[in-house]
């Protein structure tokens, strides 16, 4: 997906998020739930106007930041090699944020559900897209598993990201268990992705040491 198309889609998603919030603004209570704990219970509140504007503002800021950084990042030529996949990930992230915005509005309109359970499909899809991107990412300082060892070797970068790509996709699938077992939702969402990330860091170090020993 080229940059122009990505910008258009991001603009549409941001505008849609804002319009949805404004459309129901008059039906929202003065104080709306804006934060939920690990059990999916609301434990933080803000004004209705903040509830309507915050996520669209975050979407806009994230979109601008993520689209601009590859232009000035070191090794930007490597990012350019997988830029279409990177753009798809940016759109997926924006899609996730608009999904969170919809859930937030519905919750504050009185729809009864556990926030963490319904977040699970969105998080699972986001983790899967991360796996897709990581599998194609080339060595750079911005996107991917950036450890001292992956950044020091193209070979270590490639091997680590090949392992992690499948791991993130599996983590995305495991996240869906949060729908079936809502009381453990937080652990199904956070646990697998943390385990894969930790594995990738350790693997990159061990692979770097193996490569260094082979050259000695």
N, C-alpha and C. Protein backbone atom coordinates (compact mmCIF):
# COMPACT_ATOMS: atom_id res chain seq x y z
N UNK A 1 0.85 -1.19 0.00
CA UNK A 1 0.00 0.00 0.00
C UNK A 1 0.89 1.24 0.00
N UNK A 2 0.72 2.10 -1.01
CA UNK A 2 1.60 3.26 -1.10
C UNK A 2 1.24 4.33 -0.07
N UNK A 3 2.12 5.30 0.06
CA UNK A 3 1.96 6.32 1.11
C UNK A 3 0.70 7.16 0.91
N UNK A 4 0.41 7.53 -0.34
CA UNK A 4 -0.76 8.37 -0.59
C UNK A 4 -2.04 7.67 -0.18
N UNK A 5 -2.19 6.42 -0.57
CA UNK A 5 -3.38 5.65 -0.20
C UNK A 5 -3.48 5.49 1.32
N UNK A 6 -2.34 5.26 1.95
CA UNK A 6 -2.32 5.12 3.41
C UNK A 6 -2.79 6.39 4.09
N UNK A 7 -2.30 7.54 3.63
CA UNK A 7 -2.73 8.82 4.21
C UNK A 7 -4.24 9.02 4.05
N UNK A 8 -4.77 8.66 2.89
CA UNK A 8 -6.21 8.83 2.64
C UNK A 8 -7.02 7.96 3.61
N UNK A 9 -6.60 6.69 3.76
CA UNK A 9 -7.32 5.78 4.65
C UNK A 9 -7.23 6.27 6.10
N UNK A 10 -6.06 6.72 6.51
CA UNK A 10 -5.90 7.23 7.87
C UNK A 10 -6.78 8.45 8.12
N UNK A 11 -6.87 9.33 7.13
CA UNK A 11 -7.71 10.51 7.26
C UNK A 11 -9.18 10.12 7.39
N UNK A 12 -9.61 9.14 6.60
CA UNK A 12 -11.00 8.68 6.65
C UNK A 12 -11.31 8.06 8.01
N UNK A 13 -10.40 7.21 8.51
CA UNK A 13 -10.62 6.55 9.80
C UNK A 13 -10.67 7.57 10.94
N UNK A 14 -9.78 8.54 10.90
CA UNK A 14 -9.76 9.57 11.95
C UNK A 14 -11.04 10.39 11.92
N UNK A 15 -11.46 10.79 10.72
CA UNK A 15 -12.69 11.57 10.59
C UNK A 15 -13.90 10.77 11.04
N UNK A 16 -13.93 9.48 10.68
CA UNK A 16 -15.05 8.63 11.07
C UNK A 16 -15.13 8.49 12.58
N UNK A 17 -13.97 8.35 13.22
CA UNK A 17 -13.93 8.24 14.67
C UNK A 17 -14.48 9.49 15.33
N UNK A 18 -14.09 10.65 14.81
CA UNK A 18 -14.56 11.91 15.36
C UNK A 18 -16.06 12.09 15.14
N UNK A 19 -16.54 11.78 13.95
CA UNK A 19 -17.97 11.92 13.64
C UNK A 19 -18.81 11.02 14.53
N UNK A 20 -18.36 9.77 14.75
CA UNK A 20 -19.11 8.86 15.60
C UNK A 20 -19.25 9.42 17.02
N UNK A 21 -18.13 9.95 17.53
CA UNK A 21 -18.18 10.51 18.88
C UNK A 21 -19.10 11.70 18.98
N UNK A 22 -19.02 12.61 18.02
CA UNK A 22 -19.87 13.79 18.04
C UNK A 22 -21.34 13.43 17.88
N UNK A 23 -21.61 12.36 17.12
CA UNK A 23 -23.00 11.95 16.87
C UNK A 23 -23.71 11.50 18.15
N UNK A 24 -22.95 10.92 19.09
CA UNK A 24 -23.57 10.42 20.32
C UNK A 24 -23.24 11.28 21.53
N UNK A 25 -22.54 12.38 21.30
CA UNK A 25 -22.10 13.23 22.41
C UNK A 25 -23.25 13.62 23.34
N UNK A 26 -24.38 13.99 22.76
CA UNK A 26 -25.52 14.43 23.57
C UNK A 26 -26.15 13.32 24.40
N UNK A 27 -25.85 12.06 24.08
CA UNK A 27 -26.41 10.93 24.82
C UNK A 27 -25.48 10.41 25.91
N UNK A 28 -24.28 10.94 25.98
CA UNK A 28 -23.30 10.46 26.95
C UNK A 28 -23.51 11.15 28.30
N UNK A 29 -23.15 10.46 29.39
CA UNK A 29 -23.21 11.11 30.71
C UNK A 29 -22.13 12.17 30.83
N UNK A 30 -22.24 13.03 31.82
CA UNK A 30 -21.25 14.09 32.00
C UNK A 30 -19.84 13.54 32.23
N UNK A 31 -19.76 12.44 32.98
CA UNK A 31 -18.49 11.76 33.21
C UNK A 31 -18.53 10.39 32.55
N UNK A 32 -17.56 10.11 31.69
CA UNK A 32 -17.55 8.85 30.97
C UNK A 32 -16.36 8.00 31.41
N UNK A 33 -16.54 6.68 31.38
CA UNK A 33 -15.45 5.76 31.69
C UNK A 33 -14.38 5.89 30.60
N UNK A 34 -13.13 6.01 31.03
CA UNK A 34 -12.04 6.17 30.06
C UNK A 34 -10.87 5.23 30.33
N UNK A 35 -10.96 4.46 31.42
CA UNK A 35 -9.89 3.51 31.74
C UNK A 35 -10.50 2.31 32.43
N UNK A 36 -9.95 1.12 32.12
CA UNK A 36 -10.46 -0.13 32.69
C UNK A 36 -9.30 -0.91 33.29
N UNK A 37 -9.56 -1.62 34.39
CA UNK A 37 -8.50 -2.40 35.02
C UNK A 37 -8.38 -3.78 34.36
N UNK A 38 -7.51 -4.61 34.92
CA UNK A 38 -7.24 -5.92 34.33
C UNK A 38 -8.46 -6.83 34.34
N UNK A 39 -9.45 -6.54 35.20
CA UNK A 39 -10.67 -7.35 35.26
C UNK A 39 -11.75 -6.82 34.32
N UNK A 40 -11.43 -5.78 33.57
CA UNK A 40 -12.39 -5.21 32.65
C UNK A 40 -13.38 -4.27 33.30
N UNK A 41 -13.06 -3.80 34.51
CA UNK A 41 -13.96 -2.90 35.24
C UNK A 41 -13.48 -1.46 35.08
N UNK A 42 -14.41 -0.56 34.84
CA UNK A 42 -14.05 0.85 34.69
C UNK A 42 -13.50 1.39 36.00
N UNK A 43 -12.33 2.02 35.94
CA UNK A 43 -11.74 2.58 37.16
C UNK A 43 -11.15 3.98 36.92
N UNK A 44 -11.50 4.59 35.81
CA UNK A 44 -11.04 5.95 35.52
C UNK A 44 -12.08 6.66 34.67
N UNK A 45 -12.27 7.95 34.93
CA UNK A 45 -13.33 8.69 34.24
C UNK A 45 -12.80 10.04 33.77
N UNK A 46 -13.47 10.57 32.75
CA UNK A 46 -13.13 11.89 32.23
C UNK A 46 -14.41 12.56 31.74
N UNK A 47 -14.29 13.78 31.27
CA UNK A 47 -15.48 14.48 30.77
C UNK A 47 -15.97 13.85 29.48
N UNK A 48 -17.24 14.07 29.17
CA UNK A 48 -17.80 13.52 27.94
C UNK A 48 -17.07 14.05 26.72
N UNK A 49 -16.73 15.33 26.74
CA UNK A 49 -16.02 15.92 25.60
C UNK A 49 -14.66 15.26 25.39
N UNK A 50 -13.98 15.00 26.51
CA UNK A 50 -12.69 14.31 26.42
C UNK A 50 -12.87 12.90 25.86
N UNK A 51 -13.94 12.23 26.29
CA UNK A 51 -14.21 10.90 25.80
C UNK A 51 -14.47 10.86 24.31
N UNK A 52 -15.02 11.93 23.78
CA UNK A 52 -15.33 12.01 22.35
C UNK A 52 -14.10 12.37 21.54
N UNK A 53 -13.24 13.24 22.07
CA UNK A 53 -12.14 13.80 21.29
C UNK A 53 -10.80 13.09 21.48
N UNK A 54 -10.62 12.42 22.62
CA UNK A 54 -9.29 11.90 22.96
C UNK A 54 -8.78 10.88 21.95
N UNK A 55 -9.55 9.84 21.68
CA UNK A 55 -9.05 8.80 20.78
C UNK A 55 -8.86 9.28 19.35
N UNK A 56 -9.77 10.09 18.79
CA UNK A 56 -9.47 10.65 17.46
C UNK A 56 -8.18 11.47 17.45
N UNK A 57 -7.93 12.22 18.53
CA UNK A 57 -6.70 13.01 18.62
C UNK A 57 -5.47 12.09 18.67
N UNK A 58 -5.59 11.00 19.44
CA UNK A 58 -4.49 10.04 19.51
C UNK A 58 -4.25 9.40 18.15
N UNK A 59 -5.34 9.04 17.46
CA UNK A 59 -5.22 8.46 16.13
C UNK A 59 -4.47 9.39 15.19
N UNK A 60 -4.82 10.66 15.21
CA UNK A 60 -4.17 11.63 14.34
C UNK A 60 -2.69 11.76 14.68
N UNK A 61 -2.38 11.87 15.98
CA UNK A 61 -0.99 12.04 16.40
C UNK A 61 -0.15 10.82 16.05
N UNK A 62 -0.69 9.63 16.29
CA UNK A 62 0.03 8.39 15.99
C UNK A 62 0.25 8.25 14.49
N UNK A 63 -0.77 8.56 13.70
CA UNK A 63 -0.65 8.45 12.25
C UNK A 63 0.45 9.36 11.71
N UNK A 64 0.44 10.62 12.15
CA UNK A 64 1.46 11.57 11.68
C UNK A 64 2.86 11.12 12.10
N UNK A 65 2.98 10.69 13.36
CA UNK A 65 4.29 10.27 13.87
C UNK A 65 4.82 9.05 13.11
N UNK A 66 3.97 8.03 12.98
CA UNK A 66 4.43 6.78 12.36
C UNK A 66 4.70 6.93 10.87
N UNK A 67 4.00 7.84 10.21
CA UNK A 67 4.25 8.05 8.79
C UNK A 67 5.45 8.95 8.54
N UNK A 68 5.78 9.79 9.51
CA UNK A 68 6.88 10.74 9.33
C UNK A 68 8.23 10.14 9.69
N UNK A 69 8.29 9.33 10.74
CA UNK A 69 9.57 8.83 11.23
C UNK A 69 10.36 8.05 10.17
N UNK A 70 9.73 7.18 9.35
CA UNK A 70 10.53 6.46 8.35
C UNK A 70 11.25 7.37 7.35
N UNK A 71 10.79 8.60 7.22
CA UNK A 71 11.42 9.54 6.29
C UNK A 71 12.75 10.03 6.83
N UNK A 72 12.88 10.12 8.16
CA UNK A 72 14.10 10.68 8.76
C UNK A 72 14.91 9.64 9.53
N UNK A 73 14.42 8.41 9.61
CA UNK A 73 15.09 7.39 10.42
C UNK A 73 16.40 6.94 9.77
N UNK A 74 17.42 6.59 10.60
CA UNK A 74 18.61 5.95 10.05
C UNK A 74 18.22 4.65 9.35
N UNK A 75 18.98 4.26 8.35
CA UNK A 75 18.68 3.06 7.56
C UNK A 75 17.29 3.13 6.93
N UNK A 76 16.86 4.34 6.57
CA UNK A 76 15.51 4.49 6.00
C UNK A 76 15.36 3.74 4.69
N UNK A 77 16.48 3.49 4.01
CA UNK A 77 16.40 2.71 2.77
C UNK A 77 15.96 1.28 3.05
N UNK A 78 16.29 0.75 4.24
CA UNK A 78 15.83 -0.59 4.60
C UNK A 78 14.33 -0.58 4.90
N UNK A 79 13.86 0.49 5.55
CA UNK A 79 12.43 0.62 5.81
C UNK A 79 11.66 0.73 4.50
N UNK A 80 12.24 1.45 3.53
CA UNK A 80 11.58 1.60 2.23
C UNK A 80 11.34 0.25 1.56
N UNK A 81 12.21 -0.72 1.86
CA UNK A 81 12.09 -2.04 1.24
C UNK A 81 10.85 -2.80 1.71
N UNK A 82 10.34 -2.47 2.91
CA UNK A 82 9.12 -3.13 3.38
C UNK A 82 8.06 -2.09 3.74
N UNK A 83 8.12 -0.92 3.09
CA UNK A 83 7.24 0.20 3.45
C UNK A 83 5.77 -0.14 3.25
N UNK A 84 5.42 -0.90 2.24
CA UNK A 84 4.01 -1.23 2.03
C UNK A 84 3.45 -2.04 3.20
N UNK A 85 4.25 -2.98 3.70
CA UNK A 85 3.83 -3.77 4.85
C UNK A 85 3.79 -2.90 6.11
N UNK A 86 4.73 -1.99 6.22
CA UNK A 86 4.75 -1.04 7.34
C UNK A 86 3.49 -0.19 7.32
N UNK A 87 3.12 0.31 6.14
CA UNK A 87 1.91 1.13 6.02
C UNK A 87 0.67 0.34 6.41
N UNK A 88 0.63 -0.94 6.04
CA UNK A 88 -0.50 -1.78 6.41
C UNK A 88 -0.61 -1.91 7.92
N UNK A 89 0.54 -1.97 8.61
CA UNK A 89 0.54 -2.06 10.06
C UNK A 89 0.04 -0.76 10.68
N UNK A 90 0.40 0.37 10.10
CA UNK A 90 -0.07 1.66 10.61
C UNK A 90 -1.59 1.74 10.48
N UNK A 91 -2.13 1.28 9.36
CA UNK A 91 -3.58 1.27 9.17
C UNK A 91 -4.24 0.32 10.16
N UNK A 92 -3.60 -0.84 10.39
CA UNK A 92 -4.15 -1.80 11.36
C UNK A 92 -4.20 -1.18 12.75
N UNK A 93 -3.18 -0.43 13.11
CA UNK A 93 -3.16 0.23 14.42
C UNK A 93 -4.27 1.28 14.51
N UNK A 94 -4.46 2.05 13.44
CA UNK A 94 -5.54 3.03 13.42
C UNK A 94 -6.90 2.33 13.51
N UNK A 95 -7.02 1.20 12.83
CA UNK A 95 -8.25 0.43 12.91
C UNK A 95 -8.52 -0.08 14.31
N UNK A 96 -7.46 -0.49 14.99
CA UNK A 96 -7.61 -0.93 16.38
C UNK A 96 -8.07 0.22 17.26
N UNK A 97 -7.50 1.40 17.07
CA UNK A 97 -7.88 2.56 17.89
C UNK A 97 -9.34 2.96 17.66
N UNK A 98 -9.80 2.88 16.41
CA UNK A 98 -11.20 3.21 16.17
C UNK A 98 -12.11 2.14 16.77
N UNK A 99 -11.64 0.90 16.81
CA UNK A 99 -12.39 -0.18 17.46
C UNK A 99 -12.50 0.08 18.96
N UNK A 100 -11.41 0.51 19.57
CA UNK A 100 -11.43 0.87 21.00
C UNK A 100 -12.38 2.04 21.23
N UNK A 101 -12.37 3.00 20.32
CA UNK A 101 -13.25 4.16 20.44
C UNK A 101 -14.72 3.73 20.40
N UNK A 102 -15.04 2.83 19.50
CA UNK A 102 -16.41 2.33 19.39
C UNK A 102 -16.83 1.62 20.67
N UNK A 103 -15.94 0.76 21.20
CA UNK A 103 -16.24 0.05 22.44
C UNK A 103 -16.44 1.03 23.59
N UNK A 104 -15.60 2.06 23.64
CA UNK A 104 -15.71 3.06 24.71
C UNK A 104 -17.05 3.79 24.64
N UNK A 105 -17.44 4.17 23.45
CA UNK A 105 -18.71 4.88 23.28
C UNK A 105 -19.88 3.98 23.66
N UNK A 106 -19.84 2.72 23.21
CA UNK A 106 -20.93 1.79 23.52
C UNK A 106 -21.04 1.56 25.03
N UNK A 107 -19.90 1.39 25.67
CA UNK A 107 -19.89 1.17 27.12
C UNK A 107 -20.55 2.34 27.83
N UNK A 108 -20.20 3.54 27.41
CA UNK A 108 -20.73 4.73 28.08
C UNK A 108 -22.16 5.06 27.66
N UNK A 109 -22.64 4.39 26.64
CA UNK A 109 -24.06 4.52 26.27
C UNK A 109 -24.92 3.49 27.00
N UNK A 110 -24.26 2.67 27.85
CA UNK A 110 -25.02 1.74 28.68
C UNK A 110 -25.01 0.30 28.22
N UNK A 111 -24.28 -0.02 27.15
CA UNK A 111 -24.20 -1.41 26.70
C UNK A 111 -23.34 -2.18 27.70
N UNK A 112 -23.83 -3.33 28.15
CA UNK A 112 -23.17 -4.09 29.21
C UNK A 112 -22.24 -5.15 28.61
N UNK A 113 -20.94 -5.02 28.83
CA UNK A 113 -19.97 -6.02 28.40
C UNK A 113 -18.67 -5.81 29.18
N UNK A 114 -17.82 -6.84 29.14
CA UNK A 114 -16.50 -6.76 29.76
C UNK A 114 -15.52 -6.20 28.73
N UNK A 115 -14.95 -5.07 29.02
CA UNK A 115 -14.09 -4.41 28.05
C UNK A 115 -12.92 -5.28 27.62
N UNK A 116 -12.25 -5.95 28.60
CA UNK A 116 -11.07 -6.72 28.22
C UNK A 116 -11.40 -7.89 27.30
N UNK A 117 -12.61 -8.49 27.46
CA UNK A 117 -12.99 -9.60 26.58
C UNK A 117 -13.18 -9.13 25.14
N UNK A 118 -13.83 -7.99 24.97
CA UNK A 118 -14.07 -7.49 23.62
C UNK A 118 -12.85 -6.82 23.01
N UNK A 119 -11.89 -6.46 23.85
CA UNK A 119 -10.62 -5.96 23.32
C UNK A 119 -9.80 -7.07 22.68
N UNK A 120 -10.03 -8.31 23.14
CA UNK A 120 -9.21 -9.43 22.71
C UNK A 120 -9.17 -9.62 21.19
N UNK A 121 -10.31 -9.58 20.47
CA UNK A 121 -10.21 -9.76 19.01
C UNK A 121 -9.36 -8.68 18.34
N UNK A 122 -9.52 -7.44 18.80
CA UNK A 122 -8.71 -6.36 18.24
C UNK A 122 -7.24 -6.54 18.52
N UNK A 123 -6.91 -6.91 19.76
CA UNK A 123 -5.52 -7.14 20.11
C UNK A 123 -4.94 -8.33 19.34
N UNK A 124 -5.75 -9.38 19.21
CA UNK A 124 -5.29 -10.56 18.48
C UNK A 124 -4.97 -10.22 17.03
N UNK A 125 -5.84 -9.44 16.40
CA UNK A 125 -5.59 -9.02 15.02
C UNK A 125 -4.36 -8.15 14.91
N UNK A 126 -4.16 -7.28 15.90
CA UNK A 126 -2.99 -6.41 15.89
C UNK A 126 -1.71 -7.21 16.05
N UNK A 127 -1.71 -8.21 16.94
CA UNK A 127 -0.53 -9.05 17.12
C UNK A 127 -0.22 -9.84 15.85
N UNK A 128 -1.28 -10.31 15.18
CA UNK A 128 -1.07 -11.06 13.93
C UNK A 128 -0.42 -10.15 12.89
N UNK A 129 -0.90 -8.92 12.78
CA UNK A 129 -0.32 -7.97 11.82
C UNK A 129 1.13 -7.65 12.19
N UNK A 130 1.43 -7.61 13.48
CA UNK A 130 2.81 -7.41 13.91
C UNK A 130 3.68 -8.55 13.41
N UNK A 131 3.15 -9.77 13.49
CA UNK A 131 3.89 -10.92 12.99
C UNK A 131 4.14 -10.81 11.50
N UNK A 132 3.14 -10.34 10.75
CA UNK A 132 3.30 -10.16 9.30
C UNK A 132 4.40 -9.14 9.01
N UNK A 133 4.38 -8.03 9.73
CA UNK A 133 5.37 -6.99 9.50
C UNK A 133 6.76 -7.45 9.90
N UNK A 134 6.89 -8.05 11.06
CA UNK A 134 8.19 -8.46 11.56
C UNK A 134 8.84 -9.48 10.64
N UNK A 135 8.02 -10.34 10.04
CA UNK A 135 8.56 -11.34 9.13
C UNK A 135 9.19 -10.73 7.88
N UNK A 136 8.83 -9.50 7.55
CA UNK A 136 9.34 -8.86 6.34
C UNK A 136 10.27 -7.68 6.62
N UNK A 137 10.38 -7.30 7.88
CA UNK A 137 11.19 -6.13 8.23
C UNK A 137 12.68 -6.39 8.00
N UNK A 138 13.35 -5.38 7.49
CA UNK A 138 14.80 -5.40 7.37
C UNK A 138 15.42 -4.57 8.49
N UNK A 139 16.68 -4.77 8.72
CA UNK A 139 17.36 -4.15 9.85
C UNK A 139 17.20 -2.63 9.83
N UNK A 140 16.69 -2.09 10.93
CA UNK A 140 16.52 -0.66 11.06
C UNK A 140 16.40 -0.33 12.56
N UNK A 141 16.38 0.96 12.87
CA UNK A 141 16.36 1.40 14.26
C UNK A 141 14.97 1.76 14.77
N UNK A 142 13.94 1.48 13.98
CA UNK A 142 12.61 1.95 14.34
C UNK A 142 11.57 0.85 14.44
N UNK A 143 11.49 -0.03 13.47
CA UNK A 143 10.43 -1.05 13.44
C UNK A 143 11.03 -2.45 13.49
N UNK A 144 10.60 -3.22 14.49
CA UNK A 144 11.10 -4.59 14.60
C UNK A 144 11.66 -4.85 15.98
N UNK A 145 12.39 -5.94 16.11
CA UNK A 145 12.99 -6.33 17.39
C UNK A 145 14.40 -5.75 17.42
N UNK A 146 14.53 -4.62 18.07
CA UNK A 146 15.77 -3.85 18.00
C UNK A 146 16.58 -4.09 19.28
N UNK A 147 17.39 -5.13 19.24
CA UNK A 147 18.32 -5.39 20.34
C UNK A 147 19.73 -5.06 19.85
N UNK A 148 20.69 -4.94 20.76
CA UNK A 148 22.07 -4.67 20.31
C UNK A 148 22.57 -5.74 19.34
N UNK A 149 22.03 -6.94 19.45
CA UNK A 149 22.54 -8.06 18.66
C UNK A 149 21.87 -8.12 17.28
N UNK A 150 20.58 -7.82 17.21
CA UNK A 150 19.94 -7.79 15.87
C UNK A 150 20.44 -6.59 15.07
N UNK A 151 20.69 -5.47 15.75
CA UNK A 151 21.15 -4.27 15.04
C UNK A 151 22.61 -4.38 14.60
N UNK A 152 23.32 -5.36 15.16
CA UNK A 152 24.73 -5.52 14.82
C UNK A 152 24.97 -6.49 13.68
N UNK A 153 23.93 -7.22 13.29
CA UNK A 153 24.13 -8.27 12.29
C UNK A 153 22.86 -8.49 11.47
N UNK A 154 22.99 -8.41 10.16
CA UNK A 154 21.84 -8.70 9.29
C UNK A 154 21.37 -10.14 9.46
N UNK A 155 22.33 -11.03 9.67
CA UNK A 155 21.98 -12.44 9.82
C UNK A 155 21.19 -12.69 11.11
N UNK A 156 21.65 -12.10 12.20
CA UNK A 156 20.95 -12.26 13.48
C UNK A 156 19.58 -11.60 13.40
N UNK A 157 19.51 -10.44 12.76
CA UNK A 157 18.22 -9.77 12.56
C UNK A 157 17.24 -10.70 11.82
N UNK A 158 17.69 -11.26 10.72
CA UNK A 158 16.83 -12.11 9.89
C UNK A 158 16.35 -13.34 10.65
N UNK A 159 17.26 -14.04 11.31
CA UNK A 159 16.89 -15.27 12.02
C UNK A 159 15.95 -14.96 13.19
N UNK A 160 16.24 -13.90 13.93
CA UNK A 160 15.39 -13.53 15.07
C UNK A 160 13.99 -13.18 14.60
N UNK A 161 13.90 -12.42 13.53
CA UNK A 161 12.58 -11.98 13.06
C UNK A 161 11.79 -13.11 12.42
N UNK A 162 12.47 -14.06 11.84
CA UNK A 162 11.77 -15.24 11.31
C UNK A 162 11.12 -16.01 12.46
N UNK A 163 11.83 -16.18 13.55
CA UNK A 163 11.27 -16.87 14.73
C UNK A 163 10.13 -16.06 15.35
N UNK A 164 10.37 -14.78 15.53
CA UNK A 164 9.39 -13.94 16.22
C UNK A 164 8.12 -13.75 15.41
N UNK A 165 8.23 -13.75 14.08
CA UNK A 165 7.06 -13.53 13.24
C UNK A 165 5.99 -14.59 13.51
N UNK A 166 6.39 -15.84 13.55
CA UNK A 166 5.43 -16.91 13.84
C UNK A 166 4.95 -16.80 15.28
N UNK A 167 5.84 -16.44 16.19
CA UNK A 167 5.46 -16.31 17.60
C UNK A 167 4.39 -15.28 17.81
N UNK A 168 4.50 -14.13 17.15
CA UNK A 168 3.48 -13.08 17.31
C UNK A 168 2.14 -13.51 16.72
N UNK A 169 2.18 -14.25 15.65
CA UNK A 169 0.92 -14.75 15.08
C UNK A 169 0.24 -15.74 16.03
N UNK A 170 1.04 -16.62 16.62
CA UNK A 170 0.49 -17.56 17.60
C UNK A 170 -0.05 -16.79 18.81
N UNK A 171 0.69 -15.77 19.25
CA UNK A 171 0.22 -14.95 20.38
C UNK A 171 -1.12 -14.30 20.06
N UNK A 172 -1.27 -13.86 18.81
CA UNK A 172 -2.54 -13.28 18.40
C UNK A 172 -3.68 -14.26 18.51
N UNK A 173 -3.43 -15.52 18.12
CA UNK A 173 -4.46 -16.55 18.21
C UNK A 173 -4.80 -16.86 19.67
N UNK A 174 -3.78 -16.95 20.51
CA UNK A 174 -4.01 -17.25 21.94
C UNK A 174 -4.79 -16.14 22.63
N UNK A 175 -4.62 -14.92 22.16
CA UNK A 175 -5.35 -13.79 22.73
C UNK A 175 -6.85 -14.00 22.65
N UNK A 176 -7.30 -14.70 21.63
CA UNK A 176 -8.74 -14.92 21.45
C UNK A 176 -9.35 -15.76 22.57
N UNK A 177 -8.51 -16.48 23.32
CA UNK A 177 -9.02 -17.25 24.45
C UNK A 177 -9.63 -16.35 25.52
N UNK A 178 -9.25 -15.08 25.49
CA UNK A 178 -9.80 -14.13 26.46
C UNK A 178 -11.31 -13.98 26.29
N UNK A 179 -11.80 -14.25 25.10
CA UNK A 179 -13.25 -14.16 24.85
C UNK A 179 -13.96 -15.28 25.59
N UNK A 180 -13.34 -16.47 25.61
CA UNK A 180 -13.96 -17.64 26.22
C UNK A 180 -13.78 -17.67 27.73
N UNK A 181 -12.65 -17.11 28.20
CA UNK A 181 -12.36 -17.13 29.64
C UNK A 181 -12.10 -15.69 30.08
N UNK A 182 -13.13 -14.88 30.19
CA UNK A 182 -12.95 -13.45 30.44
C UNK A 182 -12.23 -13.12 31.74
N UNK A 183 -12.36 -13.99 32.76
CA UNK A 183 -11.69 -13.69 34.03
C UNK A 183 -10.17 -13.76 33.92
N UNK A 184 -9.67 -14.42 32.87
CA UNK A 184 -8.24 -14.50 32.62
C UNK A 184 -7.83 -13.69 31.39
N UNK A 185 -8.69 -12.79 30.97
CA UNK A 185 -8.46 -12.04 29.73
C UNK A 185 -7.12 -11.31 29.73
N UNK A 186 -6.83 -10.64 30.83
CA UNK A 186 -5.59 -9.85 30.89
C UNK A 186 -4.37 -10.71 30.61
N UNK A 187 -4.35 -11.90 31.18
CA UNK A 187 -3.19 -12.78 31.02
C UNK A 187 -3.10 -13.36 29.61
N UNK A 188 -4.26 -13.65 28.99
CA UNK A 188 -4.24 -14.16 27.63
C UNK A 188 -3.83 -13.08 26.63
N UNK A 189 -4.11 -11.83 26.97
CA UNK A 189 -3.74 -10.73 26.08
C UNK A 189 -2.27 -10.35 26.25
N UNK A 190 -1.83 -10.23 27.50
CA UNK A 190 -0.47 -9.76 27.78
C UNK A 190 0.56 -10.89 27.80
N UNK A 191 0.18 -12.04 28.40
CA UNK A 191 1.14 -13.12 28.59
C UNK A 191 1.83 -13.61 27.33
N UNK A 192 1.08 -14.03 26.30
CA UNK A 192 1.75 -14.57 25.10
C UNK A 192 2.66 -13.58 24.41
N UNK A 193 2.23 -12.32 24.30
CA UNK A 193 3.05 -11.34 23.58
C UNK A 193 4.32 -11.03 24.36
N UNK A 194 4.23 -11.01 25.69
CA UNK A 194 5.42 -10.79 26.51
C UNK A 194 6.38 -11.97 26.39
N UNK A 195 5.83 -13.18 26.37
CA UNK A 195 6.67 -14.37 26.26
C UNK A 195 7.42 -14.40 24.93
N UNK A 196 6.73 -14.08 23.85
CA UNK A 196 7.37 -14.06 22.54
C UNK A 196 8.45 -12.98 22.48
N UNK A 197 8.16 -11.82 23.02
CA UNK A 197 9.13 -10.73 23.00
C UNK A 197 10.38 -11.09 23.79
N UNK A 198 10.20 -11.69 24.97
CA UNK A 198 11.33 -12.10 25.78
C UNK A 198 12.15 -13.18 25.06
N UNK A 199 11.45 -14.14 24.46
CA UNK A 199 12.14 -15.19 23.70
C UNK A 199 12.99 -14.59 22.59
N UNK A 200 12.43 -13.61 21.88
CA UNK A 200 13.15 -13.00 20.76
C UNK A 200 14.42 -12.30 21.23
N UNK A 201 14.34 -11.62 22.37
CA UNK A 201 15.52 -10.93 22.90
C UNK A 201 16.61 -11.95 23.26
N UNK A 202 16.23 -12.99 23.98
CA UNK A 202 17.20 -14.01 24.39
C UNK A 202 17.77 -14.72 23.16
N UNK A 203 16.91 -15.06 22.21
CA UNK A 203 17.36 -15.76 21.01
C UNK A 203 18.36 -14.91 20.23
N UNK A 204 18.09 -13.60 20.13
CA UNK A 204 19.00 -12.73 19.37
C UNK A 204 20.38 -12.71 20.00
N UNK A 205 20.43 -12.70 21.32
CA UNK A 205 21.73 -12.72 22.01
C UNK A 205 22.47 -14.03 21.75
N UNK A 206 21.76 -15.15 21.90
CA UNK A 206 22.39 -16.46 21.72
C UNK A 206 22.85 -16.65 20.28
N UNK A 207 22.05 -16.19 19.33
CA UNK A 207 22.41 -16.32 17.92
C UNK A 207 23.62 -15.45 17.59
N UNK A 208 23.68 -14.26 18.18
CA UNK A 208 24.83 -13.38 17.96
C UNK A 208 26.10 -14.03 18.50
N UNK A 209 25.99 -14.64 19.69
CA UNK A 209 27.17 -15.30 20.28
C UNK A 209 27.61 -16.48 19.43
N UNK A 210 26.66 -17.23 18.87
CA UNK A 210 27.00 -18.35 17.99
C UNK A 210 27.69 -17.86 16.74
N UNK A 211 27.17 -16.77 16.21
CA UNK A 211 27.78 -16.21 14.99
C UNK A 211 29.18 -15.71 15.27
N UNK A 212 29.37 -15.05 16.41
CA UNK A 212 30.68 -14.52 16.77
C UNK A 212 31.67 -15.66 16.98
N UNK A 213 31.21 -16.75 17.64
CA UNK A 213 32.10 -17.90 17.88
C UNK A 213 32.50 -18.55 16.57
N UNK A 214 31.57 -18.58 15.61
CA UNK A 214 31.86 -19.19 14.32
C UNK A 214 32.88 -18.42 13.52
N UNK A 215 32.96 -17.12 13.77
CA UNK A 215 33.93 -16.28 13.04
C UNK A 215 35.29 -16.22 13.72
N UNK A 216 35.33 -16.70 14.96
CA UNK A 216 36.58 -16.61 15.73
C UNK A 216 37.63 -17.57 15.19
